[in-house]
C-alpha atoms as a PDB file:
ATOM      1  CA  MET A   1      24.399 -32.487 -22.839  1.00  0.00           C
ATOM      2  CA  LYS A   2      25.785 -33.750 -19.568  1.00  0.00           C
ATOM      3  CA  ARG A   3      27.579 -30.458 -18.971  1.00  0.00           C
ATOM      4  CA  SER A   4      24.325 -28.565 -19.737  1.00  0.00           C
ATOM      5  CA  ARG A   5      22.453 -30.644 -17.199  1.00  0.00           C
ATOM      6  CA  LEU A   6      25.120 -29.916 -14.607  1.00  0.00           C
ATOM      7  CA  VAL A   7      24.880 -26.180 -15.314  1.00  0.00           C
ATOM      8  CA  VAL A   8      21.086 -26.231 -14.945  1.00  0.00           C
ATOM      9  CA  ALA A   9      21.364 -28.234 -11.737  1.00  0.00           C
ATOM     10  CA  GLY A  10      23.856 -25.727 -10.388  1.00  0.00           C
ATOM     11  CA  LEU A  11      21.604 -22.783 -11.198  1.00  0.00           C
ATOM     12  CA  LEU A  12      18.665 -24.481  -9.514  1.00  0.00           C
ATOM     13  CA  ALA A  13      20.773 -25.126  -6.450  1.00  0.00           C
ATOM     14  CA  LEU A  14      21.725 -21.464  -6.291  1.00  0.00           C
ATOM     15  CA  LEU A  15      18.065 -20.456  -6.607  1.00  0.00           C
ATOM     16  CA  VAL A  16      17.009 -22.781  -3.799  1.00  0.00           C
ATOM     17  CA  ALA A  17      19.853 -21.503  -1.629  1.00  0.00           C
ATOM     18  CA  GLY A  18      18.803 -17.919  -2.308  1.00  0.00           C
ATOM     19  CA  LEU A  19      15.219 -18.652  -1.317  1.00  0.00           C
ATOM     20  CA  ALA A  20      16.391 -20.448   1.784  1.00  0.00           C
ATOM     21  CA  ALA A  21      18.314 -17.346   2.768  1.00  0.00           C
ATOM     22  CA  GLY A  22      15.005 -15.468   3.046  1.00  0.00           C
ATOM     23  CA  GLN A  23      13.602 -14.648   6.441  1.00  0.00           C
ATOM     24  CA  PHE A  24      10.763 -16.773   7.783  1.00  0.00           C
ATOM     25  CA  ARG A  25       8.574 -15.062  10.374  1.00  0.00           C
ATOM     26  CA  GLY A  26       6.168 -17.647  11.774  1.00  0.00           C
ATOM     27  CA  ARG A  27       4.006 -18.721   8.837  1.00  0.00           C
ATOM     28  CA  ARG A  28       5.222 -15.886   6.596  1.00  0.00           C
ATOM     29  CA  PHE A  29       7.989 -15.643   4.057  1.00  0.00           C
ATOM     30  CA  MET A  30       9.538 -12.246   3.652  1.00  0.00           C
ATOM     31  CA  ILE A  31      11.681 -10.952   0.831  1.00  0.00           C
ATOM     32  CA  ASN A  32      14.162  -8.605   2.471  1.00  0.00           C
ATOM     33  CA  ASP A  33      14.070  -5.872  -0.158  1.00  0.00           C
ATOM     34  CA  ASP A  34      14.103  -2.585   1.729  1.00  0.00           C
ATOM     35  CA  ASN A  35      15.377   0.546   0.024  1.00  0.00           C
ATOM     36  CA  VAL A  36      17.900   3.142   1.204  1.00  0.00           C
ATOM     37  CA  ALA A  37      15.763   6.243   0.839  1.00  0.00           C
ATOM     38  CA  PRO A  38      17.262   9.713   0.389  1.00  0.00           C
ATOM     39  CA  PRO A  39      16.690  12.333   3.128  1.00  0.00           C
ATOM     40  CA  THR A  40      13.777  13.951   1.299  1.00  0.00           C
ATOM     41  CA  GLU A  41      10.792  15.736   2.816  1.00  0.00           C
ATOM     42  CA  PHE A  42       8.556  12.812   1.910  1.00  0.00           C
ATOM     43  CA  VAL A  43       9.411   9.128   2.207  1.00  0.00           C
ATOM     44  CA  GLY A  44       6.572   6.642   1.840  1.00  0.00           C
ATOM     45  CA  MET A  45       6.366   3.198   3.394  1.00  0.00           C
ATOM     46  CA  ARG A  46       5.189  -0.160   2.124  1.00  0.00           C
ATOM     47  CA  TRP A  47       4.299  -2.388   5.098  1.00  0.00           C
ATOM     48  CA  HIS A  48       4.993  -6.078   5.455  1.00  0.00           C
ATOM     49  CA  PHE A  49       2.582  -7.626   7.978  1.00  0.00           C
ATOM     50  CA  GLY A  50       1.332 -10.899   9.398  1.00  0.00           C
ATOM     51  CA  THR A  51      -0.662 -12.920   6.872  1.00  0.00           C
ATOM     52  CA  ASN A  52      -3.152 -15.776   6.731  1.00  0.00           C
ATOM     53  CA  GLY A  53      -1.764 -17.163   3.463  1.00  0.00           C
ATOM     54  CA  ALA A  54      -4.833 -16.474   1.332  1.00  0.00           C
ATOM     55  CA  ILE A  55      -2.571 -15.048  -1.387  1.00  0.00           C
ATOM     56  CA  GLY A  56       0.511 -17.129  -0.716  1.00  0.00           C
ATOM     57  CA  HIS A  57       1.741 -14.728   1.994  1.00  0.00           C
ATOM     58  CA  MET A  58       2.814 -12.345  -0.763  1.00  0.00           C
ATOM     59  CA  GLY A  59      -0.174 -10.017  -1.249  1.00  0.00           C
ATOM     60  CA  TRP A  60       1.636  -7.260   0.650  1.00  0.00           C
ATOM     61  CA  SER A  61       4.258  -7.097  -2.155  1.00  0.00           C
ATOM     62  CA  HIS A  62       2.026  -6.503  -5.186  1.00  0.00           C
ATOM     63  CA  ASN A  63       3.397  -3.769  -7.500  1.00  0.00           C
ATOM     64  CA  TYR A  64       6.340  -3.089  -5.175  1.00  0.00           C
ATOM     65  CA  PRO A  65       8.407  -1.023  -5.813  1.00  0.00           C
ATOM     66  CA  ARG A  66       7.410   0.241  -9.277  1.00  0.00           C
ATOM     67  CA  SER A  67       4.163   1.757  -8.047  1.00  0.00           C
ATOM     68  CA  GLU A  68       6.069   3.684  -5.360  1.00  0.00           C
ATOM     69  CA  VAL A  69       8.654   4.902  -7.863  1.00  0.00           C
ATOM     70  CA  HIS A  70       6.050   6.099 -10.378  1.00  0.00           C
ATOM     71  CA  LEU A  71       3.900   7.828  -7.755  1.00  0.00           C
ATOM     72  CA  ASN A  72       6.939   9.622  -6.329  1.00  0.00           C
ATOM     73  CA  GLU A  73       7.970  10.641  -9.827  1.00  0.00           C
ATOM     74  CA  PHE A  74       4.522  12.147 -10.455  1.00  0.00           C
ATOM     75  CA  ILE A  75       4.477  14.010  -7.137  1.00  0.00           C
ATOM     76  CA  GLY A  76       8.001  15.308  -7.684  1.00  0.00           C
ATOM     77  CA  ARG A  77       7.162  16.670 -11.128  1.00  0.00           C
ATOM     78  CA  THR A  78       3.758  18.186 -10.349  1.00  0.00           C
ATOM     79  CA  THR A  79       4.035  19.558  -6.794  1.00  0.00           C
ATOM     80  CA  LYS A  80       6.539  21.372  -4.613  1.00  0.00           C
ATOM     81  CA  VAL A  81       6.952  18.362  -2.304  1.00  0.00           C
ATOM     82  CA  ASP A  82      10.629  17.449  -1.895  1.00  0.00           C
ATOM     83  CA  VAL A  83      10.640  13.831  -3.088  1.00  0.00           C
ATOM     84  CA  GLU A  84      12.796  11.666  -5.315  1.00  0.00           C
ATOM     85  CA  ASP A  85      11.793   8.600  -7.284  1.00  0.00           C
ATOM     86  CA  ASN A  86      13.384   6.287  -4.702  1.00  0.00           C
ATOM     87  CA  SER A  87      11.905   8.006  -1.628  1.00  0.00           C
ATOM     88  CA  TYR A  88      10.323   4.847  -0.241  1.00  0.00           C
ATOM     89  CA  ARG A  89      10.935   2.139   2.362  1.00  0.00           C
ATOM     90  CA  LEU A  90       9.782  -1.427   2.933  1.00  0.00           C
ATOM     91  CA  LEU A  91       9.291  -1.945   6.659  1.00  0.00           C
ATOM     92  CA  GLU A  92       7.850  -4.496   9.042  1.00  0.00           C
ATOM     93  CA  LEU A  93       4.678  -3.136  10.625  1.00  0.00           C
ATOM     94  CA  SER A  94       6.129  -4.187  13.993  1.00  0.00           C
ATOM     95  CA  SER A  95       9.258  -2.040  13.496  1.00  0.00           C
ATOM     96  CA  PRO A  96       9.771   1.150  15.553  1.00  0.00           C
ATOM     97  CA  GLU A  97      11.014   2.800  12.355  1.00  0.00           C
ATOM     98  CA  ILE A  98       7.461   3.197  11.054  1.00  0.00           C
ATOM     99  CA  PHE A  99       6.985   6.233  13.283  1.00  0.00           C
ATOM    100  CA  ASN A 100       9.541   8.161  11.234  1.00  0.00           C
ATOM    101  CA  TYR A 101       7.253   8.398   8.195  1.00  0.00           C
ATOM    102  CA  PRO A 102       3.739   9.874   7.817  1.00  0.00           C
ATOM    103  CA  PHE A 103       2.453   7.721   4.936  1.00  0.00           C
ATOM    104  CA  ALA A 104       2.025   3.947   4.806  1.00  0.00           C
ATOM    105  CA  TYR A 105       0.665   1.716   2.051  1.00  0.00           C
ATOM    106  CA  ILE A 106      -0.992  -1.680   2.635  1.00  0.00           C
ATOM    107  CA  SER A 107      -1.771  -4.111  -0.190  1.00  0.00           C
ATOM    108  CA  GLU A 108      -4.281  -6.991  -0.167  1.00  0.00           C
ATOM    109  CA  PRO A 109      -5.840  -6.614   3.328  1.00  0.00           C
ATOM    110  CA  GLY A 110      -7.777  -9.843   2.870  1.00  0.00           C
ATOM    111  CA  GLU A 111      -4.517 -11.558   3.768  1.00  0.00           C
ATOM    112  CA  MET A 112      -3.963  -9.576   6.967  1.00  0.00           C
ATOM    113  CA  GLU A 113      -3.554 -11.563  10.169  1.00  0.00           C
ATOM    114  CA  LEU A 114      -1.818  -9.092  12.446  1.00  0.00           C
ATOM    115  CA  THR A 115       0.285 -10.094  15.411  1.00  0.00           C
ATOM    116  CA  GLU A 116      -0.368  -8.375  18.727  1.00  0.00           C
ATOM    117  CA  ASP A 117       2.765  -6.262  18.268  1.00  0.00           C
ATOM    118  CA  GLU A 118       1.512  -5.182  14.846  1.00  0.00           C
ATOM    119  CA  VAL A 119      -1.906  -4.290  16.258  1.00  0.00           C
ATOM    120  CA  GLU A 120      -0.279  -2.114  18.902  1.00  0.00           C
ATOM    121  CA  ASN A 121       2.064  -0.450  16.424  1.00  0.00           C
ATOM    122  CA  LEU A 122      -0.724   0.296  13.967  1.00  0.00           C
ATOM    123  CA  ARG A 123      -2.854   1.835  16.728  1.00  0.00           C
ATOM    124  CA  GLU A 124       0.034   3.982  17.947  1.00  0.00           C
ATOM    125  CA  TYR A 125       0.920   5.005  14.390  1.00  0.00           C
ATOM    126  CA  ILE A 126      -2.586   6.387  13.852  1.00  0.00           C
ATOM    127  CA  ASP A 127      -2.703   7.986  17.301  1.00  0.00           C
ATOM    128  CA  ARG A 128       0.545   9.807  16.501  1.00  0.00           C
ATOM    129  CA  GLY A 129      -0.939  11.260  13.326  1.00  0.00           C
ATOM    130  CA  GLY A 130       0.100   8.752  10.666  1.00  0.00           C
ATOM    131  CA  PHE A 131      -1.928   8.007   7.539  1.00  0.00           C
ATOM    132  CA  ILE A 132      -2.537   4.613   5.901  1.00  0.00           C
ATOM    133  CA  LEU A 133      -3.720   3.862   2.376  1.00  0.00           C
ATOM    134  CA  ILE A 134      -5.217   0.376   2.071  1.00  0.00           C
ATOM    135  CA  ASP A 135      -5.452  -0.738  -1.546  1.00  0.00           C
ATOM    136  CA  ASP A 136      -5.762  -3.645  -3.970  1.00  0.00           C
ATOM    137  CA  PHE A 137      -8.772  -5.533  -2.671  1.00  0.00           C
ATOM    138  CA  ASP A 138     -12.291  -6.473  -3.688  1.00  0.00           C
ATOM    139  CA  THR A 139     -15.349  -7.949  -2.029  1.00  0.00           C
ATOM    140  CA  TRP A 140     -13.965 -11.021  -0.305  1.00  0.00           C
ATOM    141  CA  HIS A 141     -11.290  -8.996   1.505  1.00  0.00           C
ATOM    142  CA  MET A 142     -13.635  -6.551   3.195  1.00  0.00           C
ATOM    143  CA  ASP A 143     -14.864  -8.693   6.077  1.00  0.00           C
ATOM    144  CA  ASN A 144     -11.317  -9.616   7.031  1.00  0.00           C
ATOM    145  CA  LEU A 145     -10.209  -5.983   6.879  1.00  0.00           C
ATOM    146  CA  ARG A 146     -13.075  -4.881   9.142  1.00  0.00           C
ATOM    147  CA  GLU A 147     -12.263  -7.625  11.660  1.00  0.00           C
ATOM    148  CA  GLU A 148      -8.572  -6.724  11.768  1.00  0.00           C
ATOM    149  CA  MET A 149      -9.291  -2.995  12.151  1.00  0.00           C
ATOM    150  CA  LEU A 150     -11.733  -3.725  14.989  1.00  0.00           C
ATOM    151  CA  ARG A 151      -8.834  -5.358  16.795  1.00  0.00           C
ATOM    152  CA  VAL A 152      -6.938  -2.078  16.414  1.00  0.00           C
ATOM    153  CA  PHE A 153      -9.837   0.324  17.091  1.00  0.00           C
ATOM    154  CA  PRO A 154     -12.814  -1.469  18.703  1.00  0.00           C
ATOM    155  CA  ASP A 155     -14.675   1.849  18.968  1.00  0.00           C
ATOM    156  CA  ARG A 156     -14.346   2.950  15.321  1.00  0.00           C
ATOM    157  CA  VAL A 157     -15.711   1.712  12.017  1.00  0.00           C
ATOM    158  CA  PHE A 158     -15.145   2.582   8.378  1.00  0.00           C
ATOM    159  CA  GLN A 159     -17.456   5.194   6.885  1.00  0.00           C
ATOM    160  CA  ARG A 160     -18.050   5.506   3.158  1.00  0.00           C
ATOM    161  CA  LEU A 161     -16.440   8.607   1.628  1.00  0.00           C
ATOM    162  CA  SER A 162     -18.373  10.730  -0.847  1.00  0.00           C
ATOM    163  CA  ILE A 163     -17.102  12.908  -3.663  1.00  0.00           C
ATOM    164  CA  ASP A 164     -17.762  15.931  -1.419  1.00  0.00           C
ATOM    165  CA  ASP A 165     -15.090  14.921   1.089  1.00  0.00           C
ATOM    166  CA  PRO A 166     -12.252  17.505   1.125  1.00  0.00           C
ATOM    167  CA  ILE A 167      -9.603  14.809   0.609  1.00  0.00           C
ATOM    168  CA  TRP A 168     -10.651  14.619  -3.059  1.00  0.00           C
ATOM    169  CA  ASP A 169      -9.980  18.341  -3.547  1.00  0.00           C
ATOM    170  CA  LEU A 170      -6.748  18.881  -1.659  1.00  0.00           C
ATOM    171  CA  VAL A 171      -4.114  19.289  -4.384  1.00  0.00           C
ATOM    172  CA  TYR A 172      -6.106  17.958  -7.315  1.00  0.00           C
ATOM    173  CA  LYS A 173      -9.866  17.944  -7.675  1.00  0.00           C
ATOM    174  CA  VAL A 174     -11.017  14.391  -8.335  1.00  0.00           C
ATOM    175  CA  GLU A 175     -14.381  14.705 -10.056  1.00  0.00           C
ATOM    176  CA  ASN A 176     -15.290  11.045 -10.551  1.00  0.00           C
ATOM    177  CA  LEU A 177     -14.684   8.282  -8.009  1.00  0.00           C
ATOM    178  CA  GLU A 178     -15.780   5.619 -10.501  1.00  0.00           C
ATOM    179  CA  SER A 179     -13.573   6.418 -13.491  1.00  0.00           C
ATOM    180  CA  MET A 180     -11.430   3.332 -12.829  1.00  0.00           C
ATOM    181  CA  ALA A 181     -14.404   0.941 -12.668  1.00  0.00           C
ATOM    182  CA  PRO A 182     -14.054  -0.523 -16.212  1.00  0.00           C
ATOM    183  CA  TYR A 183     -10.451  -1.527 -15.487  1.00  0.00           C
ATOM    184  CA  THR A 184     -10.781  -3.136 -12.054  1.00  0.00           C
ATOM    185  CA  ALA A 185     -12.063  -6.435 -10.706  1.00  0.00           C
ATOM    186  CA  GLY A 186     -15.093  -6.691  -8.467  1.00  0.00           C
ATOM    187  CA  GLY A 187     -17.878  -4.158  -8.164  1.00  0.00           C
ATOM    188  CA  THR A 188     -17.896  -0.371  -8.330  1.00  0.00           C
ATOM    189  CA  PRO A 189     -14.871   1.273  -6.667  1.00  0.00           C
ATOM    190  CA  THR A 190     -15.873   2.492  -3.215  1.00  0.00           C
ATOM    191  CA  TYR A 191     -13.740   4.411  -0.734  1.00  0.00           C
ATOM    192  CA  TYR A 192     -13.967   4.142   3.030  1.00  0.00           C
ATOM    193  CA  GLY A 193     -12.390   6.295   5.701  1.00  0.00           C
ATOM    194  CA  LEU A 194     -11.517   5.701   9.335  1.00  0.00           C
ATOM    195  CA  VAL A 195     -10.756   8.696  11.548  1.00  0.00           C
ATOM    196  CA  ASN A 196      -8.217   9.275  14.300  1.00  0.00           C
ATOM    197  CA  SER A 197      -8.964  10.623  17.776  1.00  0.00           C
ATOM    198  CA  GLU A 198      -9.090  14.159  16.350  1.00  0.00           C
ATOM    199  CA  GLY A 199     -11.765  13.211  13.840  1.00  0.00           C
ATOM    200  CA  GLN A 200      -9.362  13.475  10.873  1.00  0.00           C
ATOM    201  CA  ILE A 201      -9.223  10.817   8.167  1.00  0.00           C
ATOM    202  CA  ALA A 202      -6.359   8.522   9.130  1.00  0.00           C
ATOM    203  CA  ILE A 203      -7.071   5.502   6.919  1.00  0.00           C
ATOM    204  CA  VAL A 204      -8.497   5.364   3.401  1.00  0.00           C
ATOM    205  CA  ALA A 205      -9.479   1.939   2.084  1.00  0.00           C
ATOM    206  CA  CYS A 206      -9.965   1.567  -1.688  1.00  0.00           C
ATOM    207  CA  HIS A 207     -12.546  -1.197  -2.044  1.00  0.00           C
ATOM    208  CA  ASN A 208     -12.914  -2.764  -5.516  1.00  0.00           C
ATOM    209  CA  ASN A 209      -9.923  -0.832  -6.770  1.00  0.00           C
ATOM    210  CA  ASP A 210      -6.178  -1.114  -7.184  1.00  0.00           C
ATOM    211  CA  LEU A 211      -4.498   2.274  -7.403  1.00  0.00           C
ATOM    212  CA  ALA A 212      -1.062   0.639  -7.411  1.00  0.00           C
ATOM    213  CA  ASN A 213      -1.867  -1.160 -10.676  1.00  0.00           C
ATOM    214  CA  PHE A 214      -2.583   2.175 -12.326  1.00  0.00           C
ATOM    215  CA  TRP A 215       0.601   3.707 -10.860  1.00  0.00           C
ATOM    216  CA  ASP A 216       2.623   0.695 -11.949  1.00  0.00           C
ATOM    217  CA  TRP A 217       1.188   0.081 -15.432  1.00  0.00           C
ATOM    218  CA  TYR A 218      -0.168   3.471 -16.514  1.00  0.00           C
ATOM    219  CA  GLY A 219      -0.313   3.987 -20.265  1.00  0.00           C
ATOM    220  CA  THR A 220      -0.774   0.303 -21.096  1.00  0.00           C
ATOM    221  CA  PRO A 221      -4.009  -0.841 -22.788  1.00  0.00           C
ATOM    222  CA  GLN A 222      -5.137  -2.409 -19.502  1.00  0.00           C
ATOM    223  CA  TYR A 223      -4.626   0.846 -17.570  1.00  0.00           C
ATOM    224  CA  PRO A 224      -5.091   3.775 -19.956  1.00  0.00           C
ATOM    225  CA  LEU A 225      -4.132   7.346 -19.260  1.00  0.00           C
ATOM    226  CA  ARG A 226      -7.410   8.910 -18.118  1.00  0.00           C
ATOM    227  CA  PRO A 227      -8.194   6.587 -15.165  1.00  0.00           C
ATOM    228  CA  SER A 228      -4.481   6.394 -14.370  1.00  0.00           C
ATOM    229  CA  THR A 229      -4.434  10.183 -14.090  1.00  0.00           C
ATOM    230  CA  ASP A 230      -7.200  10.007 -11.494  1.00  0.00           C
ATOM    231  CA  ALA A 231      -5.219   7.339  -9.617  1.00  0.00           C
ATOM    232  CA  PHE A 232      -2.131   9.563  -9.519  1.00  0.00           C
ATOM    233  CA  ARG A 233      -4.220  12.543  -8.419  1.00  0.00           C
ATOM    234  CA  MET A 234      -5.747  10.513  -5.606  1.00  0.00           C
ATOM    235  CA  GLY A 235      -2.324   9.285  -4.513  1.00  0.00           C
ATOM    236  CA  THR A 236      -0.961  12.824  -4.489  1.00  0.00           C
ATOM    237  CA  ASN A 237      -3.898  14.057  -2.385  1.00  0.00           C
ATOM    238  CA  PHE A 238      -3.343  11.221   0.082  1.00  0.00           C
ATOM    239  CA  VAL A 239       0.373  11.957   0.394  1.00  0.00           C
ATOM    240  CA  VAL A 240      -0.167  15.676   0.977  1.00  0.00           C
ATOM    241  CA  HIS A 241      -2.955  14.874   3.456  1.00  0.00           C
ATOM    242  CA  SER A 242      -0.554  12.625   5.362  1.00  0.00           C
ATOM    243  CA  MET A 243       1.949  15.484   5.608  1.00  0.00           C
ATOM    244  CA  THR A 244      -0.517  18.161   6.678  1.00  0.00           C
ATOM    245  CA  HIS A 245      -3.384  16.699   8.725  1.00  0.00           C
END
């Protein structure tokens, strides 16, 4: 029994040491879990950003990296885009490397509290033609997201997207924007767009939805195949839009 207690104590000590080896950035704790992506035509990004702690400073990490892997797998099997399952990166929003990739994913924007460097980088990323998908949030996040985006673009606001917007009929035709409603928290899924200086959609925000859950857990009873298919179709349209707009 004594030896067992010593073993457990040793394992706990190793765990604490491993956590202590993480990188603290101000009030944020970051898990340094980037991926060495292959030199494919498409490489997506997950962004780590400044947070207010509303979700334990970890909202940015939800579904990472399984949702990226499954979305890439779908795109690779159903389109001619050169992509592999591990064609993804995890990058700090403040990093100059973000300008190497056209597609960025943000999770849980209710926890966003961007630094000034992050505000400047996000603005430049959009001005250079980048595309951002903001996902995994319901009603209480929206006010915070609007405030943070006004810091980036004081002259632009989100506009609600309708089913007639061309982004829903780019590679796949998405016929129902509410098919995921029975499987998500909050109200009816609603999609908002913010345009760049050329008037092209540069940011899509998925309010009352969580596409990454469907990518991550498709085929389970909680996320059945039909709504998951729409989630993958949307993701594919967004990726191709990011590479062509």
